[in-house]
């Protein structure tokens, strides 16, 4: 599997490099950081002061190479219909996913060493969304990376790896 990592808007190169290394370790795949794209203007909803993740994913689809899975990384607050916010979203059919760093940051990330917590949360959400591009749904095992995160506590509790029930279901 190959993964193209796309910064959507301005993203710190340090977090992208850490995410690249983490994904290569966890997924055993080749990850390439590709050229940044702009956040599409049409994604912004001024009534919510948030960005519609579906519109960003639509822009990412246009950047996708046929053989690769694509993961966009943005710093803006994202949502999808019927949800207040999402940490990420994926289109499994097109193998395109998006994560936002916005809500993965909290006061703990501002403390010394907090960048490691942000990097760990980002990796878990990236693996989770890429898991959807590999055919996986949500898992009931709270330790599995495919467990749905409704809060930072959920993200912090779950692991970065697929559980023994999810791993055999992975498709390329």
N, C-alpha and C. Protein backbone atom coordinates (compact mmCIF):
# COMPACT_ATOMS: atom_id res chain seq x y z
N UNK A 1 0.85 -1.19 0.00
CA UNK A 1 0.00 0.00 0.00
C UNK A 1 0.89 1.24 0.00
N UNK A 2 0.50 2.24 -0.77
CA UNK A 2 1.15 3.54 -0.78
C UNK A 2 0.17 4.58 -0.27
N UNK A 3 0.67 5.53 0.51
CA UNK A 3 -0.16 6.60 1.03
C UNK A 3 0.47 7.94 0.65
N UNK A 4 -0.34 8.79 0.03
CA UNK A 4 0.07 10.17 -0.21
C UNK A 4 -0.51 11.02 0.92
N UNK A 5 0.35 11.73 1.61
CA UNK A 5 -0.02 12.59 2.73
C UNK A 5 -0.07 14.03 2.21
N UNK A 6 -1.26 14.63 2.24
CA UNK A 6 -1.48 15.95 1.64
C UNK A 6 -1.80 16.98 2.71
N UNK A 7 -0.94 17.99 2.89
CA UNK A 7 -1.32 19.09 3.78
C UNK A 7 -2.44 19.90 3.13
N UNK A 8 -3.50 20.16 3.88
CA UNK A 8 -4.63 20.94 3.39
C UNK A 8 -4.60 22.25 4.18
N UNK A 9 -4.10 23.30 3.55
CA UNK A 9 -3.82 24.54 4.26
C UNK A 9 -2.44 24.43 4.89
N UNK A 10 -2.10 25.39 5.73
CA UNK A 10 -0.77 25.41 6.36
C UNK A 10 -0.71 24.40 7.50
N UNK A 11 0.21 23.45 7.39
CA UNK A 11 0.42 22.43 8.42
C UNK A 11 1.90 22.40 8.75
N UNK A 12 2.21 22.34 10.03
CA UNK A 12 3.59 22.26 10.50
C UNK A 12 4.27 21.02 9.91
N UNK A 13 5.41 21.21 9.29
CA UNK A 13 6.14 20.10 8.67
C UNK A 13 6.58 19.06 9.70
N UNK A 14 6.80 19.48 10.93
CA UNK A 14 7.22 18.53 11.98
C UNK A 14 6.13 17.48 12.20
N UNK A 15 4.88 17.92 12.32
CA UNK A 15 3.80 16.96 12.55
C UNK A 15 3.61 16.06 11.34
N UNK A 16 3.78 16.61 10.14
CA UNK A 16 3.66 15.78 8.93
C UNK A 16 4.74 14.71 8.89
N UNK A 17 5.97 15.08 9.24
CA UNK A 17 7.07 14.10 9.23
C UNK A 17 6.86 13.03 10.29
N UNK A 18 6.37 13.43 11.46
CA UNK A 18 6.08 12.44 12.51
C UNK A 18 4.95 11.51 12.08
N UNK A 19 3.94 12.08 11.46
CA UNK A 19 2.82 11.28 10.97
C UNK A 19 3.28 10.30 9.90
N UNK A 20 4.12 10.76 9.00
CA UNK A 20 4.68 9.91 7.95
C UNK A 20 5.41 8.72 8.56
N UNK A 21 6.30 8.99 9.51
CA UNK A 21 7.06 7.91 10.16
C UNK A 21 6.16 6.96 10.92
N UNK A 22 5.18 7.50 11.63
CA UNK A 22 4.26 6.66 12.39
C UNK A 22 3.42 5.76 11.50
N UNK A 23 2.93 6.31 10.39
CA UNK A 23 2.14 5.51 9.46
C UNK A 23 2.98 4.41 8.82
N UNK A 24 4.22 4.72 8.48
CA UNK A 24 5.09 3.70 7.89
C UNK A 24 5.35 2.57 8.88
N UNK A 25 5.50 2.92 10.16
CA UNK A 25 5.73 1.90 11.19
C UNK A 25 4.48 1.06 11.45
N UNK A 26 3.35 1.72 11.68
CA UNK A 26 2.12 1.02 12.05
C UNK A 26 1.54 0.22 10.88
N UNK A 27 1.51 0.83 9.70
CA UNK A 27 0.89 0.17 8.55
C UNK A 27 1.87 -0.60 7.68
N UNK A 28 3.17 -0.39 7.90
CA UNK A 28 4.17 -1.07 7.08
C UNK A 28 4.07 -0.68 5.61
N UNK A 29 3.81 0.59 5.36
CA UNK A 29 3.61 1.04 3.99
C UNK A 29 4.56 2.19 3.65
N UNK A 30 4.55 2.58 2.40
CA UNK A 30 5.33 3.70 1.93
C UNK A 30 4.45 4.95 1.98
N UNK A 31 4.92 6.00 2.65
CA UNK A 31 4.17 7.24 2.76
C UNK A 31 5.00 8.36 2.16
N UNK A 32 4.34 9.16 1.33
CA UNK A 32 5.01 10.29 0.68
C UNK A 32 4.24 11.56 1.01
N UNK A 33 4.96 12.59 1.50
CA UNK A 33 4.33 13.89 1.71
C UNK A 33 4.32 14.61 0.38
N UNK A 34 3.14 14.99 -0.08
CA UNK A 34 3.01 15.63 -1.39
C UNK A 34 2.66 17.10 -1.21
N UNK A 35 2.50 17.80 -2.32
CA UNK A 35 2.29 19.24 -2.31
C UNK A 35 1.00 19.63 -1.59
N UNK A 36 1.10 20.70 -0.85
CA UNK A 36 -0.03 21.27 -0.12
C UNK A 36 -1.12 21.73 -1.08
N UNK A 37 -2.38 21.57 -0.65
CA UNK A 37 -3.49 22.16 -1.40
C UNK A 37 -4.18 23.18 -0.49
N UNK A 38 -4.90 24.09 -1.11
CA UNK A 38 -5.65 25.10 -0.36
C UNK A 38 -6.94 24.51 0.17
N UNK A 39 -7.41 25.05 1.26
CA UNK A 39 -8.72 24.68 1.78
C UNK A 39 -9.75 25.32 0.85
N UNK A 40 -10.65 24.54 0.28
CA UNK A 40 -11.62 25.13 -0.65
C UNK A 40 -12.54 26.13 0.05
N UNK A 41 -12.72 27.28 -0.57
CA UNK A 41 -13.59 28.32 0.00
C UNK A 41 -14.99 27.79 0.26
N UNK A 42 -15.47 26.93 -0.64
CA UNK A 42 -16.85 26.43 -0.53
C UNK A 42 -17.05 25.55 0.71
N UNK A 43 -15.95 25.11 1.33
CA UNK A 43 -16.06 24.24 2.50
C UNK A 43 -16.46 25.01 3.76
N UNK A 44 -16.19 26.31 3.80
CA UNK A 44 -16.45 27.08 5.02
C UNK A 44 -17.92 27.38 5.19
N UNK A 45 -18.44 27.10 6.37
CA UNK A 45 -19.83 27.41 6.73
C UNK A 45 -19.78 28.50 7.80
N UNK A 46 -20.05 29.77 7.42
CA UNK A 46 -19.93 30.85 8.39
C UNK A 46 -20.93 30.75 9.54
N UNK A 47 -22.06 30.09 9.34
CA UNK A 47 -23.03 29.96 10.42
C UNK A 47 -22.52 29.05 11.53
N UNK A 48 -21.60 28.15 11.18
CA UNK A 48 -21.03 27.22 12.15
C UNK A 48 -19.59 27.58 12.52
N UNK A 49 -18.97 28.42 11.70
CA UNK A 49 -17.54 28.74 11.84
C UNK A 49 -16.70 27.45 11.76
N UNK A 50 -17.11 26.56 10.85
CA UNK A 50 -16.45 25.28 10.63
C UNK A 50 -16.38 25.01 9.14
N UNK A 51 -15.65 23.96 8.80
CA UNK A 51 -15.48 23.57 7.41
C UNK A 51 -16.12 22.20 7.18
N UNK A 52 -16.86 22.08 6.09
CA UNK A 52 -17.52 20.82 5.74
C UNK A 52 -16.47 19.85 5.20
N UNK A 53 -16.29 18.76 5.91
CA UNK A 53 -15.26 17.78 5.53
C UNK A 53 -15.53 17.18 4.16
N UNK A 54 -16.80 17.00 3.80
CA UNK A 54 -17.13 16.41 2.50
C UNK A 54 -16.59 17.27 1.35
N UNK A 55 -16.63 18.59 1.50
CA UNK A 55 -16.13 19.49 0.46
C UNK A 55 -14.61 19.39 0.34
N UNK A 56 -13.93 19.23 1.47
CA UNK A 56 -12.47 19.08 1.44
C UNK A 56 -12.10 17.74 0.81
N UNK A 57 -12.82 16.69 1.17
CA UNK A 57 -12.56 15.37 0.58
C UNK A 57 -12.78 15.41 -0.93
N UNK A 58 -13.78 16.14 -1.37
CA UNK A 58 -14.02 16.28 -2.81
C UNK A 58 -12.82 16.91 -3.51
N UNK A 59 -12.22 17.91 -2.89
CA UNK A 59 -11.00 18.53 -3.45
C UNK A 59 -9.82 17.56 -3.42
N UNK A 60 -9.73 16.77 -2.36
CA UNK A 60 -8.64 15.79 -2.26
C UNK A 60 -8.76 14.73 -3.35
N UNK A 61 -9.98 14.33 -3.67
CA UNK A 61 -10.20 13.32 -4.72
C UNK A 61 -9.52 13.73 -6.02
N UNK A 62 -9.52 15.02 -6.31
CA UNK A 62 -8.93 15.53 -7.55
C UNK A 62 -7.41 15.41 -7.54
N UNK A 63 -6.80 15.27 -6.36
CA UNK A 63 -5.34 15.16 -6.24
C UNK A 63 -4.85 13.72 -6.24
N UNK A 64 -5.79 12.79 -6.13
CA UNK A 64 -5.43 11.38 -5.89
C UNK A 64 -4.81 10.71 -7.11
N UNK A 65 -3.72 9.99 -6.84
CA UNK A 65 -3.11 9.11 -7.84
C UNK A 65 -3.81 7.77 -7.75
N UNK A 66 -3.98 7.09 -8.85
CA UNK A 66 -4.77 5.84 -8.87
C UNK A 66 -4.29 4.79 -7.88
N UNK A 67 -2.99 4.60 -7.75
CA UNK A 67 -2.49 3.48 -6.96
C UNK A 67 -2.40 3.78 -5.46
N UNK A 68 -2.51 5.03 -5.09
CA UNK A 68 -2.26 5.39 -3.69
C UNK A 68 -3.56 5.61 -2.91
N UNK A 69 -3.44 5.44 -1.60
CA UNK A 69 -4.46 5.92 -0.68
C UNK A 69 -4.05 7.36 -0.38
N UNK A 70 -5.00 8.23 -0.16
CA UNK A 70 -4.68 9.63 0.06
C UNK A 70 -5.21 10.06 1.42
N UNK A 71 -4.36 10.70 2.20
CA UNK A 71 -4.76 11.21 3.51
C UNK A 71 -4.46 12.70 3.57
N UNK A 72 -5.52 13.50 3.67
CA UNK A 72 -5.37 14.93 3.86
C UNK A 72 -5.25 15.24 5.34
N UNK A 73 -4.44 16.25 5.66
CA UNK A 73 -4.28 16.69 7.04
C UNK A 73 -4.52 18.19 7.07
N UNK A 74 -5.48 18.61 7.90
CA UNK A 74 -5.79 20.03 7.99
C UNK A 74 -5.78 20.48 9.45
N UNK A 75 -5.70 21.78 9.63
CA UNK A 75 -5.71 22.34 10.97
C UNK A 75 -7.02 23.01 11.32
N UNK A 76 -7.96 23.03 10.38
CA UNK A 76 -9.24 23.70 10.63
C UNK A 76 -10.24 22.74 11.26
N UNK A 77 -11.25 23.31 11.91
CA UNK A 77 -12.30 22.55 12.56
C UNK A 77 -13.26 22.04 11.49
N UNK A 78 -13.48 20.72 11.45
CA UNK A 78 -14.32 20.12 10.41
C UNK A 78 -15.55 19.45 11.00
N UNK A 79 -16.57 19.35 10.15
CA UNK A 79 -17.80 18.67 10.53
C UNK A 79 -18.36 17.98 9.29
N UNK A 80 -19.33 17.11 9.51
CA UNK A 80 -20.11 16.54 8.42
C UNK A 80 -21.57 16.61 8.84
N UNK A 81 -22.46 16.43 7.89
CA UNK A 81 -23.89 16.53 8.20
C UNK A 81 -24.26 15.68 9.41
N UNK A 82 -25.09 16.23 10.26
CA UNK A 82 -25.65 15.57 11.44
C UNK A 82 -24.66 15.38 12.59
N UNK A 83 -23.43 15.87 12.47
CA UNK A 83 -22.47 15.78 13.57
C UNK A 83 -21.92 17.17 13.89
N UNK A 84 -21.69 17.43 15.17
CA UNK A 84 -21.15 18.73 15.59
C UNK A 84 -19.73 18.94 15.09
N UNK A 85 -18.95 17.86 15.05
CA UNK A 85 -17.58 17.91 14.57
C UNK A 85 -17.14 16.49 14.26
N UNK A 86 -16.04 16.37 13.54
CA UNK A 86 -15.40 15.06 13.34
C UNK A 86 -13.89 15.26 13.47
N UNK A 87 -13.22 14.23 13.97
CA UNK A 87 -11.76 14.23 13.98
C UNK A 87 -11.24 13.92 12.57
N UNK A 88 -12.04 13.18 11.82
CA UNK A 88 -11.66 12.80 10.47
C UNK A 88 -12.84 12.17 9.75
N UNK A 89 -12.62 11.90 8.48
CA UNK A 89 -13.66 11.27 7.66
C UNK A 89 -12.96 10.56 6.51
N UNK A 90 -13.60 9.52 5.98
CA UNK A 90 -13.01 8.78 4.87
C UNK A 90 -14.05 8.42 3.83
N UNK A 91 -13.59 8.31 2.61
CA UNK A 91 -14.38 7.78 1.50
C UNK A 91 -13.68 6.48 1.11
N UNK A 92 -14.21 5.37 1.62
CA UNK A 92 -13.59 4.07 1.39
C UNK A 92 -13.53 3.67 -0.06
N UNK A 93 -14.57 4.00 -0.82
CA UNK A 93 -14.62 3.61 -2.23
C UNK A 93 -13.50 4.26 -3.04
N UNK A 94 -13.24 5.53 -2.76
CA UNK A 94 -12.19 6.24 -3.50
C UNK A 94 -10.83 6.23 -2.79
N UNK A 95 -10.78 5.63 -1.59
CA UNK A 95 -9.54 5.54 -0.81
C UNK A 95 -8.95 6.92 -0.50
N UNK A 96 -9.83 7.83 -0.09
CA UNK A 96 -9.45 9.19 0.27
C UNK A 96 -9.94 9.46 1.69
N UNK A 97 -9.07 10.03 2.52
CA UNK A 97 -9.43 10.31 3.90
C UNK A 97 -8.89 11.68 4.31
N UNK A 98 -9.42 12.18 5.41
CA UNK A 98 -9.04 13.49 5.93
C UNK A 98 -9.04 13.42 7.45
N UNK A 99 -8.04 14.04 8.07
CA UNK A 99 -8.07 14.24 9.52
C UNK A 99 -7.83 15.72 9.80
N UNK A 100 -8.36 16.16 10.93
CA UNK A 100 -8.14 17.53 11.38
C UNK A 100 -7.39 17.51 12.70
N UNK A 101 -6.39 18.35 12.80
CA UNK A 101 -5.62 18.47 14.04
C UNK A 101 -6.32 19.37 15.05
N UNK A 102 -7.32 20.13 14.58
CA UNK A 102 -7.94 21.16 15.39
C UNK A 102 -8.42 20.66 16.74
N UNK A 103 -9.25 19.65 16.76
CA UNK A 103 -9.83 19.17 18.03
C UNK A 103 -8.97 18.11 18.69
N UNK A 104 -7.85 17.76 18.07
CA UNK A 104 -6.93 16.82 18.71
C UNK A 104 -6.00 17.55 19.68
N UNK A 105 -6.01 18.87 19.59
CA UNK A 105 -5.23 19.71 20.51
C UNK A 105 -6.11 20.05 21.70
N UNK A 106 -5.53 20.08 22.87
CA UNK A 106 -6.22 20.60 24.05
C UNK A 106 -5.16 21.23 24.94
N UNK A 107 -5.54 21.59 26.15
CA UNK A 107 -4.59 22.27 27.04
C UNK A 107 -3.36 21.40 27.33
N UNK A 108 -3.51 20.07 27.31
CA UNK A 108 -2.37 19.19 27.55
C UNK A 108 -1.33 19.31 26.44
N UNK A 109 -1.77 19.62 25.23
CA UNK A 109 -0.84 19.75 24.10
C UNK A 109 0.01 21.01 24.20
N UNK A 110 -0.43 21.98 25.02
CA UNK A 110 0.33 23.21 25.21
C UNK A 110 1.41 23.06 26.27
N UNK A 111 1.37 21.99 27.03
CA UNK A 111 2.36 21.76 28.08
C UNK A 111 3.64 21.20 27.48
N UNK A 112 4.76 21.29 28.22
CA UNK A 112 5.99 20.68 27.71
C UNK A 112 5.77 19.20 27.40
N UNK A 113 6.19 18.78 26.22
CA UNK A 113 5.99 17.41 25.80
C UNK A 113 4.64 17.18 25.14
N UNK A 114 3.80 18.21 25.10
CA UNK A 114 2.46 18.10 24.54
C UNK A 114 2.43 17.79 23.06
N UNK A 115 3.50 18.16 22.36
CA UNK A 115 3.54 17.86 20.92
C UNK A 115 3.55 16.35 20.67
N UNK A 116 4.07 15.58 21.61
CA UNK A 116 4.06 14.12 21.48
C UNK A 116 2.63 13.58 21.61
N UNK A 117 1.84 14.18 22.48
CA UNK A 117 0.44 13.78 22.63
C UNK A 117 -0.33 14.09 21.35
N UNK A 118 -0.11 15.27 20.78
CA UNK A 118 -0.76 15.63 19.52
C UNK A 118 -0.34 14.67 18.41
N UNK A 119 0.93 14.33 18.36
CA UNK A 119 1.43 13.40 17.34
C UNK A 119 0.78 12.02 17.50
N UNK A 120 0.63 11.55 18.72
CA UNK A 120 0.03 10.24 18.97
C UNK A 120 -1.45 10.24 18.60
N UNK A 121 -2.17 11.28 18.97
CA UNK A 121 -3.58 11.38 18.62
C UNK A 121 -3.75 11.45 17.10
N UNK A 122 -2.90 12.23 16.46
CA UNK A 122 -2.96 12.37 15.00
C UNK A 122 -2.72 11.04 14.31
N UNK A 123 -1.75 10.29 14.81
CA UNK A 123 -1.46 8.99 14.23
C UNK A 123 -2.65 8.04 14.38
N UNK A 124 -3.24 8.00 15.56
CA UNK A 124 -4.39 7.11 15.78
C UNK A 124 -5.53 7.46 14.84
N UNK A 125 -5.83 8.74 14.70
CA UNK A 125 -6.93 9.14 13.82
C UNK A 125 -6.58 8.90 12.35
N UNK A 126 -5.32 9.08 11.98
CA UNK A 126 -4.89 8.81 10.60
C UNK A 126 -5.02 7.32 10.28
N UNK A 127 -4.55 6.46 11.17
CA UNK A 127 -4.66 5.02 10.96
C UNK A 127 -6.14 4.62 10.90
N UNK A 128 -6.95 5.21 11.78
CA UNK A 128 -8.38 4.92 11.80
C UNK A 128 -9.02 5.25 10.45
N UNK A 129 -8.77 6.45 9.95
CA UNK A 129 -9.39 6.85 8.68
C UNK A 129 -8.85 6.03 7.52
N UNK A 130 -7.57 5.73 7.52
CA UNK A 130 -7.01 4.86 6.47
C UNK A 130 -7.58 3.46 6.59
N UNK A 131 -7.90 3.03 7.81
CA UNK A 131 -8.57 1.74 8.00
C UNK A 131 -9.89 1.69 7.24
N UNK A 132 -10.62 2.81 7.24
CA UNK A 132 -11.87 2.87 6.46
C UNK A 132 -11.57 2.74 4.97
N UNK A 133 -10.46 3.31 4.50
CA UNK A 133 -10.12 3.18 3.07
C UNK A 133 -9.67 1.77 2.73
N UNK A 134 -9.37 0.98 3.76
CA UNK A 134 -8.98 -0.42 3.58
C UNK A 134 -10.15 -1.38 3.84
N UNK A 135 -11.36 -0.83 3.94
CA UNK A 135 -12.55 -1.67 4.04
C UNK A 135 -13.07 -1.94 5.43
N UNK A 136 -12.49 -1.33 6.44
CA UNK A 136 -12.93 -1.59 7.81
C UNK A 136 -14.01 -0.61 8.26
N UNK A 137 -14.91 -1.13 9.09
CA UNK A 137 -15.90 -0.29 9.76
C UNK A 137 -15.44 -0.03 11.19
N UNK A 138 -16.33 0.52 12.00
CA UNK A 138 -15.99 0.78 13.40
C UNK A 138 -15.99 -0.53 14.19
N UNK A 139 -15.19 -0.55 15.23
CA UNK A 139 -15.00 -1.75 16.05
C UNK A 139 -15.47 -1.46 17.48
N UNK A 140 -16.06 -2.46 18.10
CA UNK A 140 -16.52 -2.32 19.47
C UNK A 140 -15.42 -2.42 20.51
N UNK A 141 -14.25 -2.88 20.13
CA UNK A 141 -13.12 -3.02 21.05
C UNK A 141 -12.53 -1.64 21.32
N UNK A 142 -12.64 -1.16 22.56
CA UNK A 142 -12.17 0.20 22.89
C UNK A 142 -10.67 0.37 22.73
N UNK A 143 -9.92 -0.72 22.66
CA UNK A 143 -8.48 -0.63 22.46
C UNK A 143 -8.06 -0.64 21.00
N UNK A 144 -8.99 -0.96 20.10
CA UNK A 144 -8.70 -1.06 18.67
C UNK A 144 -8.69 0.34 18.05
N UNK A 145 -7.79 0.57 17.14
CA UNK A 145 -7.71 1.86 16.46
C UNK A 145 -8.99 2.17 15.67
N UNK A 146 -9.77 1.15 15.33
CA UNK A 146 -11.01 1.36 14.59
C UNK A 146 -12.21 1.66 15.49
N UNK A 147 -11.98 1.77 16.80
CA UNK A 147 -13.05 2.18 17.71
C UNK A 147 -13.41 3.63 17.41
N UNK A 148 -14.70 3.95 17.37
CA UNK A 148 -15.15 5.31 17.08
C UNK A 148 -14.76 6.25 18.21
N UNK A 149 -14.16 7.37 17.87
CA UNK A 149 -13.81 8.38 18.87
C UNK A 149 -14.83 9.50 18.86
N UNK A 150 -15.54 9.61 19.97
CA UNK A 150 -16.51 10.67 20.14
C UNK A 150 -15.92 11.81 20.98
N UNK A 151 -14.73 11.57 21.55
CA UNK A 151 -14.08 12.56 22.40
C UNK A 151 -12.58 12.27 22.42
N UNK A 152 -11.82 13.21 22.97
CA UNK A 152 -10.38 12.99 23.10
C UNK A 152 -10.08 11.82 24.03
N UNK A 153 -10.93 11.61 25.02
CA UNK A 153 -10.72 10.47 25.93
C UNK A 153 -10.75 9.18 25.13
N UNK A 154 -11.73 9.05 24.21
CA UNK A 154 -11.82 7.85 23.37
C UNK A 154 -10.54 7.67 22.54
N UNK A 155 -10.05 8.77 21.99
CA UNK A 155 -8.83 8.71 21.17
C UNK A 155 -7.63 8.32 22.04
N UNK A 156 -7.54 8.90 23.23
CA UNK A 156 -6.41 8.61 24.10
C UNK A 156 -6.42 7.16 24.60
N UNK A 157 -7.61 6.59 24.79
CA UNK A 157 -7.72 5.22 25.32
C UNK A 157 -7.40 4.18 24.27
N UNK A 158 -7.85 4.42 23.04
CA UNK A 158 -7.64 3.38 22.03
C UNK A 158 -6.17 3.31 21.62
N UNK A 159 -5.81 2.16 21.07
CA UNK A 159 -4.44 1.96 20.61
C UNK A 159 -4.24 2.47 19.21
N UNK A 160 -3.05 2.29 18.70
CA UNK A 160 -2.74 2.72 17.33
C UNK A 160 -2.79 1.57 16.33
N UNK A 161 -3.07 0.36 16.83
CA UNK A 161 -3.07 -0.83 15.97
C UNK A 161 -4.47 -1.43 15.82
N UNK A 162 -4.64 -2.22 14.78
CA UNK A 162 -5.88 -2.95 14.55
C UNK A 162 -5.93 -4.14 15.49
N UNK A 163 -7.10 -4.43 16.03
CA UNK A 163 -7.26 -5.58 16.92
C UNK A 163 -7.22 -6.88 16.11
N UNK A 164 -7.23 -7.99 16.82
CA UNK A 164 -7.13 -9.30 16.16
C UNK A 164 -8.35 -9.62 15.30
N UNK A 165 -9.48 -8.96 15.55
CA UNK A 165 -10.66 -9.18 14.70
C UNK A 165 -10.63 -8.30 13.44
N UNK A 166 -10.07 -7.10 13.56
CA UNK A 166 -10.04 -6.17 12.41
C UNK A 166 -8.91 -6.47 11.44
N UNK A 167 -7.74 -6.82 11.95
CA UNK A 167 -6.58 -7.01 11.07
C UNK A 167 -6.85 -7.99 9.92
N UNK A 168 -7.49 -9.15 10.17
CA UNK A 168 -7.72 -10.08 9.05
C UNK A 168 -8.71 -9.55 8.00
N UNK A 169 -9.48 -8.53 8.34
CA UNK A 169 -10.48 -7.98 7.42
C UNK A 169 -9.91 -6.93 6.47
N UNK A 170 -8.66 -6.53 6.69
CA UNK A 170 -8.06 -5.48 5.86
C UNK A 170 -8.01 -5.92 4.40
N UNK A 171 -8.40 -5.02 3.50
CA UNK A 171 -8.30 -5.28 2.07
C UNK A 171 -7.39 -4.23 1.45
N UNK A 172 -6.76 -4.54 0.37
CA UNK A 172 -5.89 -3.58 -0.30
C UNK A 172 -6.62 -2.87 -1.38
